[in-house]
C-alpha cells in the first residue's frame, strides 16, 4: 500500500477524537461501572450460593445458551462467577461501542456528504477507515484496562483480571474490523449497522450452540464447551478462562483474524465509489400500499425488519428455555446438597421472563430514538413537509415501540409455554406473566419519551 493512501490520517484521527470526546468516555465509564458494581454485588454471595447458581445454570441447556463455560476447580470463586454470568452482556456492550464508532466515522460520513468534502482535500483513500480503526483500537485498550481495574478493585487477582480485560479488548478490536467491512458493503449507515448486527448475531449463536452441546461436569459443577465454540470469536474469549487456566495464547487468534479482516476491508475500499456500497441498493416499489399512506404505517414499515428479528429471536429463545425446563427439574430432583434449587427451579421461568423484559427495553429505547435519525436524513423530512403534524408522527413511533415491546416479551413467554410440559394452565400463566412484565417497560418508555421531547433544549 502506498504511503499517500494514508495521507492526513493523523488529522482525521484528531477530528474523530473531537467528535467522540463525550460519547466515548460515556461508553468507557459505563462499562467500567457495570463491571465494578456488579462484581461488588456478587461479592455478597457465599460460596454455597455461587455453587447452587452454577449448578442451576450448567445443568440447563437453555442457560448454557447464555452463560460462559466453567471448570469444576473454579466453582465458588467470585471472578469466574462474574464471567459466566456477565460474559455475553459485556461482549454485547463492547460490540455496540465498536460498531457505532466505526460506522459513525466511515459510512455515516459518506451518507451525510462529509466524506465528499474531506476527499476534496489532500486526504488518502484509506485515511478515513484507518483513523476510525486507530481510535477503535485505542478505545478497546482502554476498555481492557478499565475492565481489569473494575475487577482488581474488588479484590480479584491481577493476572486473571488482566486476562479478562484483554479478552474483551481483543473481542472489541475484532468487532471494529467486522464493522470496517460492513461499512464498505452497504451504502447506508442503517444497512451497515444491520449487517454488523447479523454477523455478530451469528457469532453469538455459534458460540451458544457450542455451549449447549457441551458436557456438564460431575454434580453440575460447570461444563466444558463443545468444538463449535472455536468457530466463534466470543468462544475464543470465553476459552481464555481468566482466573483459572489463563490462556494468553488465544489472543493470537484475534490478532491473525484482525489482520485478515482489515486487509479485506482495504481491498473493498478500492472496489467502490465514495457514497456507494459493494452490495447494490434494493429498489423499492413504484407505488405504496394503502396502509403506508399514514405515519403509523410508515413507522411500522421502517421498523418491521428489526421488530420481526426481535420477535423471532426471543420466540426461539423461549422455546429453548421451555424445552430445557423439564430436563433441569429432573437433574436437580435428587440433588440433596442443593435444596434451594428445587424451589428456584419452580420460579426460574417466571424470573427469566422478568429478566427478558429488561432486555426488551433496549428495543423500546432504540425504537423511539430512531425518530432522530429519520428526521435528519431519513424519510421523515419529506413526511413533515406535508400536512402531517409532528405530534402525529411522534405518536406513531411511540405506538410502534410500545406495541412492539409487548409483542416481543409475549413471544418469549409463548415460546416457553409451547415447549414446556406443564400443560395448558401453566402455559397460560407464562403468557400472562409476559403481559404483566410488559407493563414494567412502560415507565422506561416514558422516561425516553420525556428525554426526546426536552433533548433539543439541552443539546
Protein backbone atom coordinates (compact mmCIF):
# COMPACT_ATOMS: atom_id res chain seq x y z
CA UNK A 1 0.00 0.00 0.00
CA UNK A 2 1.32 3.40 -0.99
CA UNK A 3 2.03 6.00 1.67
CA UNK A 4 -0.16 8.62 0.01
CA UNK A 5 -3.21 6.39 0.55
CA UNK A 6 -2.86 7.20 4.26
CA UNK A 7 -2.21 10.93 3.90
CA UNK A 8 -3.53 13.11 6.75
CA UNK A 9 -4.73 10.13 8.77
CA UNK A 10 -3.49 11.91 11.88
CA UNK A 11 -5.66 14.95 11.12
CA UNK A 12 -8.77 12.79 10.64
CA UNK A 13 -7.95 10.94 13.86
CA UNK A 14 -7.91 14.25 15.76
CA UNK A 15 -11.25 15.15 14.19
CA UNK A 16 -12.73 11.79 15.20
CA UNK A 17 -11.45 12.18 18.76
CA UNK A 18 -13.01 15.63 18.99
CA UNK A 19 -16.36 14.34 17.71
CA UNK A 20 -16.32 11.47 20.22
CA UNK A 21 -15.00 13.45 23.18
CA UNK A 22 -18.32 12.89 25.01
CA UNK A 23 -19.64 9.62 23.58
CA UNK A 24 -16.54 7.50 24.08
CA UNK A 25 -15.93 8.49 27.73
CA UNK A 26 -19.58 7.67 28.47
CA UNK A 27 -19.17 4.23 26.90
CA UNK A 28 -15.89 3.55 28.72
CA UNK A 29 -17.08 4.73 32.13
CA UNK A 30 -20.37 2.86 31.74
CA UNK A 31 -18.60 -0.44 31.03
CA UNK A 32 -16.22 0.16 33.95
CA UNK A 33 -19.13 1.00 36.26
CA UNK A 34 -21.08 -2.11 35.25
CA UNK A 35 -18.09 -4.38 35.84
CA UNK A 36 -17.09 -2.81 39.16
CA UNK A 37 -20.59 -2.53 40.64
CA UNK A 38 -21.83 -5.96 39.58
CA UNK A 39 -18.64 -7.62 40.80
CA UNK A 40 -19.08 -5.86 44.13
CA UNK A 41 -22.72 -7.01 44.28
CA UNK A 42 -21.71 -10.60 43.53
CA UNK A 43 -19.24 -10.39 46.40
CA UNK A 44 -22.20 -10.69 48.77
CA UNK A 45 -22.86 -14.25 47.58
CA UNK A 46 -21.47 -17.05 49.71
CA UNK A 47 -19.53 -19.90 48.03
CA UNK A 48 -22.57 -22.14 48.63
CA UNK A 49 -24.85 -19.61 46.90
CA UNK A 50 -22.50 -19.47 43.94
CA UNK A 51 -22.35 -23.26 43.69
CA UNK A 52 -26.12 -23.55 43.66
CA UNK A 53 -26.43 -20.94 40.91
CA UNK A 54 -23.67 -22.60 38.88
CA UNK A 55 -25.39 -25.98 39.15
CA UNK A 56 -28.70 -24.46 38.11
CA UNK A 57 -27.15 -22.75 35.09
CA UNK A 58 -24.83 -25.54 34.00
CA UNK A 59 -27.48 -28.27 34.06
CA UNK A 60 -29.92 -26.25 31.95
CA UNK A 61 -29.26 -26.22 28.16
CA UNK A 62 -31.25 -23.01 27.98
CA UNK A 63 -28.99 -21.29 30.49
CA UNK A 64 -25.86 -22.61 28.81
CA UNK A 65 -27.09 -20.72 25.75
CA UNK A 66 -26.35 -17.50 27.67
CA UNK A 67 -23.51 -18.24 30.10
CA UNK A 68 -19.82 -18.98 29.73
CA UNK A 69 -18.17 -22.37 30.49
CA UNK A 70 -16.66 -23.06 33.89
CA UNK A 71 -14.25 -25.72 35.16
CA UNK A 72 -15.08 -27.55 38.43
CA UNK A 73 -11.95 -26.22 40.17
CA UNK A 74 -13.23 -22.64 39.84
CA UNK A 75 -16.78 -23.15 41.10
CA UNK A 76 -17.39 -20.88 44.08
CA UNK A 77 -14.86 -18.22 43.06
CA UNK A 78 -16.05 -14.65 42.51
CA UNK A 79 -14.03 -13.90 39.34
CA UNK A 80 -15.28 -16.89 37.39
CA UNK A 81 -18.80 -16.40 38.73
CA UNK A 82 -18.86 -12.85 37.34
CA UNK A 83 -17.58 -14.00 33.94
CA UNK A 84 -20.00 -16.90 33.44
CA UNK A 85 -22.97 -14.63 34.14
CA UNK A 86 -21.84 -11.37 32.52
CA UNK A 87 -19.64 -12.55 29.64
CA UNK A 88 -22.30 -12.23 26.93
CA UNK A 89 -23.64 -8.92 28.25
CA UNK A 90 -20.23 -7.22 28.39
CA UNK A 91 -19.46 -8.60 24.93
CA UNK A 92 -22.67 -7.06 23.55
CA UNK A 93 -21.79 -3.66 25.03
CA UNK A 94 -18.26 -3.80 23.59
CA UNK A 95 -19.67 -4.85 20.21
CA UNK A 96 -22.18 -1.98 20.16
CA UNK A 97 -19.49 0.56 21.07
CA UNK A 98 -17.18 -0.56 18.26
CA UNK A 99 -19.83 -0.90 15.57
CA UNK A 100 -21.20 2.57 16.24
CA UNK A 101 -17.72 4.08 16.37
CA UNK A 102 -16.57 2.64 13.03
CA UNK A 103 -19.82 3.25 11.16
CA UNK A 104 -20.06 6.80 12.52
CA UNK A 105 -16.64 7.78 11.17
CA UNK A 106 -16.86 5.94 7.84
CA UNK A 107 -20.22 5.14 6.30
CA UNK A 108 -22.13 7.87 8.16
CA UNK A 109 -19.64 10.47 6.91
CA UNK A 110 -20.26 9.33 3.34
CA UNK A 111 -24.02 9.29 3.82
CA UNK A 112 -24.10 12.85 5.12
CA UNK A 113 -21.70 14.19 2.49
CA UNK A 114 -18.82 14.87 4.91
CA UNK A 115 -16.51 12.40 3.16
CA UNK A 116 -17.05 14.12 -0.18
CA UNK A 117 -15.98 17.40 1.37
CA UNK A 118 -12.99 15.81 3.10
CA UNK A 119 -11.96 13.96 -0.08
CA UNK A 120 -11.62 17.29 -1.88
CA UNK A 121 -8.54 17.95 0.28
CA UNK A 122 -5.20 16.10 0.45
CA UNK A 123 -6.57 13.00 2.18
CA UNK A 124 -5.61 9.42 1.35
CA UNK A 125 -8.09 6.82 0.19
CA UNK A 126 -7.61 4.71 3.30
CA UNK A 127 -7.27 7.59 5.77
CA UNK A 128 -10.90 7.68 6.91
CA UNK A 129 -11.10 3.96 7.70
CA UNK A 130 -7.59 3.92 9.20
CA UNK A 131 -8.29 6.83 11.57
CA UNK A 132 -11.51 5.16 12.74
CA UNK A 133 -9.69 1.87 13.35
CA UNK A 134 -6.88 3.56 15.28
CA UNK A 135 -9.44 5.25 17.51
CA UNK A 136 -11.25 1.93 17.97
CA UNK A 137 -8.04 0.11 18.91
CA UNK A 138 -7.13 2.81 21.44
CA UNK A 139 -10.64 2.68 22.89
CA UNK A 140 -10.51 -1.09 23.26
CA UNK A 141 -7.16 -0.90 25.00
CA UNK A 142 -8.80 1.46 27.48
CA UNK A 143 -11.74 -0.97 27.78
CA UNK A 144 -9.29 -3.73 28.66
CA UNK A 145 -7.61 -1.61 31.32
CA UNK A 146 -10.89 -0.40 32.83
CA UNK A 147 -12.43 -3.89 32.96
CA UNK A 148 -9.30 -5.22 34.63
CA UNK A 149 -9.36 -2.29 37.07
CA UNK A 150 -13.03 -2.91 37.86
CA UNK A 151 -12.19 -6.48 38.83
CA UNK A 152 -8.97 -5.66 40.71
CA UNK A 153 -10.64 -3.06 42.96
CA UNK A 154 -12.95 -5.85 44.13
CA UNK A 155 -10.03 -7.93 45.34
CA UNK A 156 -9.61 -10.27 42.37
CA UNK A 157 -6.20 -11.45 41.17
CA UNK A 158 -4.22 -9.12 38.92
CA UNK A 159 -3.33 -11.76 36.30
CA UNK A 160 -6.88 -13.06 35.99
CA UNK A 161 -8.25 -9.52 35.80
CA UNK A 162 -5.77 -8.53 33.08
CA UNK A 163 -6.65 -11.61 31.02
CA UNK A 164 -10.36 -10.90 31.43
CA UNK A 165 -9.84 -7.32 30.27
CA UNK A 166 -7.63 -8.42 27.38
CA UNK A 167 -10.25 -10.91 26.18
CA UNK A 168 -12.92 -8.21 25.89
CA UNK A 169 -10.48 -5.72 24.38
CA UNK A 170 -9.41 -8.21 21.73
CA UNK A 171 -13.04 -9.06 21.03
CA UNK A 172 -13.83 -5.35 20.61
CA UNK A 173 -10.94 -4.83 18.18
CA UNK A 174 -12.22 -7.74 16.10
CA UNK A 175 -15.73 -6.27 16.11
CA UNK A 176 -14.29 -2.99 14.81
CA UNK A 177 -12.72 -4.87 11.89
CA UNK A 178 -16.06 -6.51 11.12
CA UNK A 179 -17.74 -3.10 11.13
CA UNK A 180 -14.98 -1.83 8.83
CA UNK A 181 -16.02 -4.45 6.27
CA UNK A 182 -19.77 -3.90 6.58
CA UNK A 183 -19.19 -0.16 6.11
CA UNK A 184 -17.89 -0.99 2.63
CA UNK A 185 -20.71 -3.41 1.76
CA UNK A 186 -23.77 -1.23 2.33
CA UNK A 187 -24.35 2.31 1.09
CA UNK A 188 -26.25 3.39 4.23
CA UNK A 189 -25.42 3.56 7.92
CA UNK A 190 -28.54 1.59 8.75
CA UNK A 191 -27.57 -1.16 6.32
CA UNK A 192 -24.02 -1.32 7.69
CA UNK A 193 -25.27 -1.49 11.26
CA UNK A 194 -27.77 -4.18 10.25
CA UNK A 195 -25.11 -6.31 8.54
CA UNK A 196 -22.81 -5.94 11.55
CA UNK A 197 -25.63 -6.98 13.87
CA UNK A 198 -26.37 -10.06 11.75
CA UNK A 199 -22.71 -11.14 11.69
CA UNK A 200 -22.31 -10.62 15.42
CA UNK A 201 -25.60 -12.45 16.00
CA UNK A 202 -24.22 -15.42 14.06
CA UNK A 203 -21.05 -15.28 16.16
CA UNK A 204 -23.10 -15.38 19.36
CA UNK A 205 -25.36 -18.19 18.12
CA UNK A 206 -22.44 -20.38 17.05
CA UNK A 207 -20.82 -19.92 20.46
CA UNK A 208 -24.12 -20.64 22.22
CA UNK A 209 -24.62 -23.82 20.20
CA UNK A 210 -21.15 -24.99 21.25
CA UNK A 211 -22.02 -24.28 24.89
CA UNK A 212 -25.38 -26.08 24.68
CA UNK A 213 -23.65 -29.10 23.10
CA UNK A 214 -21.05 -29.05 25.88
CA UNK A 215 -20.53 -31.68 28.56
CA UNK A 216 -21.75 -30.97 32.10
CA UNK A 217 -19.18 -31.72 34.79
CA UNK A 218 -19.88 -34.13 37.64
CA UNK A 219 -22.58 -32.91 40.06
CA UNK A 220 -23.32 -29.99 37.73
CA UNK A 221 -20.13 -28.14 38.70
CA UNK A 222 -19.80 -26.15 35.50
CA UNK A 223 -19.43 -27.52 31.98
CA UNK A 224 -16.99 -27.82 29.09
CA UNK A 225 -17.89 -26.38 25.70
CA UNK A 226 -18.05 -28.44 22.52
CA UNK A 227 -15.98 -27.82 19.38
CA UNK A 228 -18.26 -25.21 17.69
CA UNK A 229 -17.08 -22.53 20.15
CA UNK A 230 -13.73 -22.48 18.35
CA UNK A 231 -15.55 -21.17 15.26
CA UNK A 232 -16.69 -18.07 17.18
CA UNK A 233 -14.56 -15.15 18.43
CA UNK A 234 -16.79 -14.97 21.52
CA UNK A 235 -15.90 -18.60 22.13
CA UNK A 236 -12.20 -17.69 21.92
CA UNK A 237 -12.69 -15.01 24.57
CA UNK A 238 -14.52 -17.42 26.89
CA UNK A 239 -11.96 -20.18 26.34
CA UNK A 240 -9.23 -17.93 27.71
CA UNK A 241 -10.67 -18.88 31.14
CA UNK A 242 -9.45 -15.93 33.24
CA UNK A 243 -8.84 -16.68 36.95
CA UNK A 244 -8.41 -20.36 36.06
CA UNK A 245 -6.38 -21.54 33.05
CA UNK A 246 -5.31 -18.02 31.95
CA UNK A 247 -4.86 -18.95 28.26
CA UNK A 248 -2.97 -15.92 26.94
CA UNK A 249 -2.08 -17.75 23.71
CA UNK A 250 -5.66 -17.48 22.40
CA UNK A 251 -5.03 -13.76 21.79
CA UNK A 252 -3.08 -14.84 18.70
CA UNK A 253 -6.39 -15.92 17.11
CA UNK A 254 -7.70 -12.37 17.45
CA UNK A 255 -4.52 -10.82 16.03
CA UNK A 256 -4.47 -13.02 12.91
CA UNK A 257 -8.22 -12.58 12.31
CA UNK A 258 -7.97 -8.79 12.71
CA UNK A 259 -5.16 -8.54 10.16
CA UNK A 260 -7.10 -10.64 7.62
CA UNK A 261 -10.33 -8.69 8.12
CA UNK A 262 -8.66 -5.29 7.83
CA UNK A 263 -6.85 -6.38 4.70
CA UNK A 264 -10.22 -7.37 3.27
CA UNK A 265 -11.74 -4.01 4.21
CA UNK A 266 -8.96 -2.11 2.42
CA UNK A 267 -9.43 -4.24 -0.70
CA UNK A 268 -13.16 -3.46 -0.67
CA UNK A 269 -12.42 0.28 -0.40
CA UNK A 270 -10.66 0.05 -3.77
CA UNK A 271 -13.66 -1.58 -5.42
CA UNK A 272 -16.33 1.04 -4.74
CA UNK A 273 -17.01 4.75 -5.20
CA UNK A 274 -17.47 7.21 -2.35
CA UNK A 275 -21.07 7.11 -1.18
CA UNK A 276 -21.69 3.70 -2.75
CA UNK A 277 -21.53 0.19 -1.35
CA UNK A 278 -20.33 -3.11 -2.75
CA UNK A 279 -23.84 -4.51 -2.42
CA UNK A 280 -26.36 -2.80 -4.73
CA UNK A 281 -29.25 -0.98 -3.07
CA UNK A 282 -32.59 -2.75 -3.40
CA UNK A 283 -35.13 -0.87 -5.49
CA UNK A 284 -38.44 -0.08 -3.84
CA UNK A 285 -41.90 -0.46 -5.26
CA UNK A 286 -43.18 2.22 -7.64
CA UNK A 287 -46.43 2.58 -5.68
CA UNK A 288 -47.13 2.48 -1.94
CA UNK A 289 -49.70 0.27 -0.27
CA UNK A 290 -52.72 1.99 1.27
CA UNK A 291 -51.61 1.24 4.83
CA UNK A 292 -48.35 3.09 4.17
CA UNK A 293 -50.14 6.36 3.49
CA UNK A 294 -50.16 7.40 7.15
CA UNK A 295 -47.40 7.96 9.76
CA UNK A 296 -48.19 4.79 11.74
CA UNK A 297 -47.94 2.56 8.68
CA UNK A 298 -44.70 4.21 7.58
CA UNK A 299 -43.18 3.86 11.04
CA UNK A 300 -44.05 0.16 11.18
CA UNK A 301 -42.63 -0.30 7.67
CA UNK A 302 -39.34 1.30 8.68
CA UNK A 303 -39.00 -0.83 11.80
CA UNK A 304 -40.61 -4.09 10.69
CA UNK A 305 -37.38 -5.99 9.99
CA UNK A 306 -35.84 -5.16 13.36
CA UNK A 307 -39.11 -5.88 15.14
CA UNK A 308 -39.55 -9.27 13.45
CA UNK A 309 -35.95 -10.12 14.25
CA UNK A 310 -36.57 -9.46 17.94
CA UNK A 311 -39.84 -11.43 17.94
CA UNK A 312 -38.43 -14.47 16.13
CA UNK A 313 -35.20 -14.42 18.16
CA UNK A 314 -36.90 -14.32 21.54
CA UNK A 315 -39.54 -16.84 20.45
CA UNK A 316 -36.77 -19.31 19.62
CA UNK A 317 -35.01 -18.49 22.88
CA UNK A 318 -38.27 -19.11 24.75
CA UNK A 319 -38.63 -22.48 23.04
CA UNK A 320 -35.09 -23.41 24.13
CA UNK A 321 -35.71 -22.42 27.75
CA UNK A 322 -39.11 -24.09 27.82
CA UNK A 323 -37.73 -27.34 26.46
CA UNK A 324 -34.88 -27.32 28.97
CA UNK A 325 -37.10 -26.64 32.00
CA UNK A 326 -38.18 -30.29 32.26
CA UNK A 327 -34.61 -31.58 31.96
CA UNK A 328 -33.48 -29.12 34.63
CA UNK A 329 -36.16 -30.34 37.00
CA UNK A 330 -35.15 -33.97 36.51
CA UNK A 331 -31.47 -33.23 37.11
CA UNK A 332 -31.89 -31.29 40.38
CA UNK A 333 -34.60 -33.59 41.78
CA UNK A 334 -32.12 -35.84 43.57
CA UNK A 335 -29.50 -33.20 44.46
CA UNK A 336 -29.84 -33.14 48.25
CA UNK A 337 -26.74 -30.95 48.56
CA UNK A 338 -28.62 -28.08 46.92
CA UNK A 339 -32.12 -27.97 48.45
CA UNK A 340 -32.82 -24.41 47.32
CA UNK A 341 -32.57 -25.39 43.67
CA UNK A 342 -35.89 -27.23 43.81
CA UNK A 343 -37.67 -24.07 44.88
CA UNK A 344 -35.67 -21.92 42.46
CA UNK A 345 -36.49 -24.27 39.59
CA UNK A 346 -40.21 -23.71 40.05
CA UNK A 347 -39.86 -19.92 39.80
CA UNK A 348 -36.99 -19.90 37.33
CA UNK A 349 -39.05 -19.39 34.18
CA UNK A 350 -41.10 -16.58 35.70
CA UNK A 351 -37.99 -14.74 36.85
CA UNK A 352 -36.48 -15.28 33.40
CA UNK A 353 -39.46 -13.57 31.79
CA UNK A 354 -38.84 -10.59 34.07
CA UNK A 355 -35.18 -10.57 33.06
CA UNK A 356 -36.10 -10.61 29.38
CA UNK A 357 -38.42 -7.65 29.91
CA UNK A 358 -35.32 -5.65 30.89
CA UNK A 359 -33.60 -6.82 27.69
CA UNK A 360 -36.63 -5.85 25.59
CA UNK A 361 -36.43 -2.32 27.00
CA UNK A 362 -33.37 -1.93 24.74
CA UNK A 363 -35.68 -2.32 21.75
CA UNK A 364 -38.08 0.20 23.30
CA UNK A 365 -35.32 2.77 23.62
CA UNK A 366 -33.84 2.24 20.15
CA UNK A 367 -37.27 2.25 18.53
CA UNK A 368 -38.27 5.61 19.98
CA UNK A 369 -34.86 7.21 19.44
CA UNK A 370 -34.91 6.30 15.75
CA UNK A 371 -37.02 9.39 15.20
CA UNK A 372 -33.79 11.43 15.44
CA UNK A 373 -32.05 9.68 12.54
CA UNK A 374 -35.25 9.60 10.49
CA UNK A 375 -35.66 13.36 10.89
CA UNK A 376 -32.07 14.17 9.95
CA UNK A 377 -31.62 12.17 6.78
CA UNK A 378 -34.49 9.71 6.54
CA UNK A 379 -38.00 9.78 5.09
CA UNK A 380 -39.46 11.92 7.90
CA UNK A 381 -38.01 15.04 6.35
CA UNK A 382 -40.32 14.54 3.38
CA UNK A 383 -43.26 13.47 5.55
CA UNK A 384 -43.04 16.54 7.79
CA UNK A 385 -43.03 18.81 4.74
CA UNK A 386 -46.64 17.72 4.13
CA UNK A 387 -49.77 18.45 6.17
CA UNK A 388 -48.81 15.86 8.82
CA UNK A 389 -48.22 17.18 12.34
CA UNK A 390 -45.09 16.38 14.30
CA UNK A 391 -47.28 15.15 17.16
CA UNK A 392 -48.92 12.54 14.95
CA UNK A 393 -45.54 11.33 13.72
CA UNK A 394 -44.14 11.16 17.25
CA UNK A 395 -47.17 9.25 18.50
CA UNK A 396 -46.72 6.71 15.71
CA UNK A 397 -43.17 5.98 16.91
CA UNK A 398 -44.39 5.62 20.49
CA UNK A 399 -47.19 3.26 19.39
CA UNK A 400 -44.89 1.01 17.36
CA UNK A 401 -42.32 0.98 20.17
CA UNK A 402 -44.74 0.04 22.96
CA UNK A 403 -46.84 -2.45 20.99
CA UNK A 404 -43.66 -3.96 19.54
CA UNK A 405 -42.15 -4.35 23.03
CA UNK A 406 -45.29 -6.12 24.24
CA UNK A 407 -45.26 -8.43 21.22
CA UNK A 408 -41.59 -9.33 21.82
CA UNK A 409 -41.91 -10.24 25.51
CA UNK A 410 -45.17 -12.12 24.88
CA UNK A 411 -43.46 -14.05 22.06
CA UNK A 412 -40.76 -15.13 24.52
CA UNK A 413 -43.38 -16.20 27.07
CA UNK A 414 -45.36 -18.02 24.39
CA UNK A 415 -42.21 -19.91 23.35
CA UNK A 416 -41.71 -21.10 26.93
CA UNK A 417 -45.39 -22.11 27.14
CA UNK A 418 -45.22 -24.10 23.88
CA UNK A 419 -42.06 -26.04 24.76
CA UNK A 420 -42.68 -26.72 28.45
CA UNK A 421 -44.59 -29.80 29.60
CA UNK A 422 -46.66 -28.08 32.26
CA UNK A 423 -49.95 -28.25 30.40
CA UNK A 424 -52.35 -25.57 29.18
CA UNK A 425 -52.90 -23.91 32.56
CA UNK A 426 -49.19 -23.48 33.29
CA UNK A 427 -48.55 -22.28 29.74
CA UNK A 428 -51.30 -19.70 30.16
CA UNK A 429 -49.60 -18.47 33.33
CA UNK A 430 -46.37 -17.93 31.38
CA UNK A 431 -48.19 -15.86 28.74
CA UNK A 432 -49.96 -13.85 31.46
CA UNK A 433 -46.58 -13.24 33.10
CA UNK A 434 -45.32 -11.89 29.76
CA UNK A 435 -48.15 -9.36 29.58
CA UNK A 436 -47.60 -8.34 33.21
CA UNK A 437 -43.85 -7.89 32.75
CA UNK A 438 -44.51 -5.81 29.63
CA UNK A 439 -46.08 -3.16 31.87
CA UNK A 440 -42.67 -2.72 33.55
CA UNK A 441 -41.34 -1.41 30.24
CA UNK A 442 -43.82 1.48 30.21
CA UNK A 443 -42.02 3.69 32.80
CA UNK A 444 -38.78 3.26 30.84
CA UNK A 445 -40.59 4.25 27.65
CA UNK A 446 -41.98 7.29 29.47
CA UNK A 447 -38.51 8.43 30.52
CA UNK A 448 -37.22 8.04 26.97
CA UNK A 449 -40.18 9.98 25.57
CA UNK A 450 -39.57 12.84 28.01
CA UNK A 451 -35.87 12.88 27.10
CA UNK A 452 -36.73 13.01 23.39
CA UNK A 453 -39.13 15.93 23.95
CA UNK A 454 -36.74 18.01 26.04
CA UNK A 455 -33.43 16.96 24.45
CA UNK A 456 -33.24 19.87 21.95
CA UNK A 457 -33.37 22.34 24.87
CA UNK A 458 -30.28 20.72 26.43
CA UNK A 459 -28.42 19.95 23.24
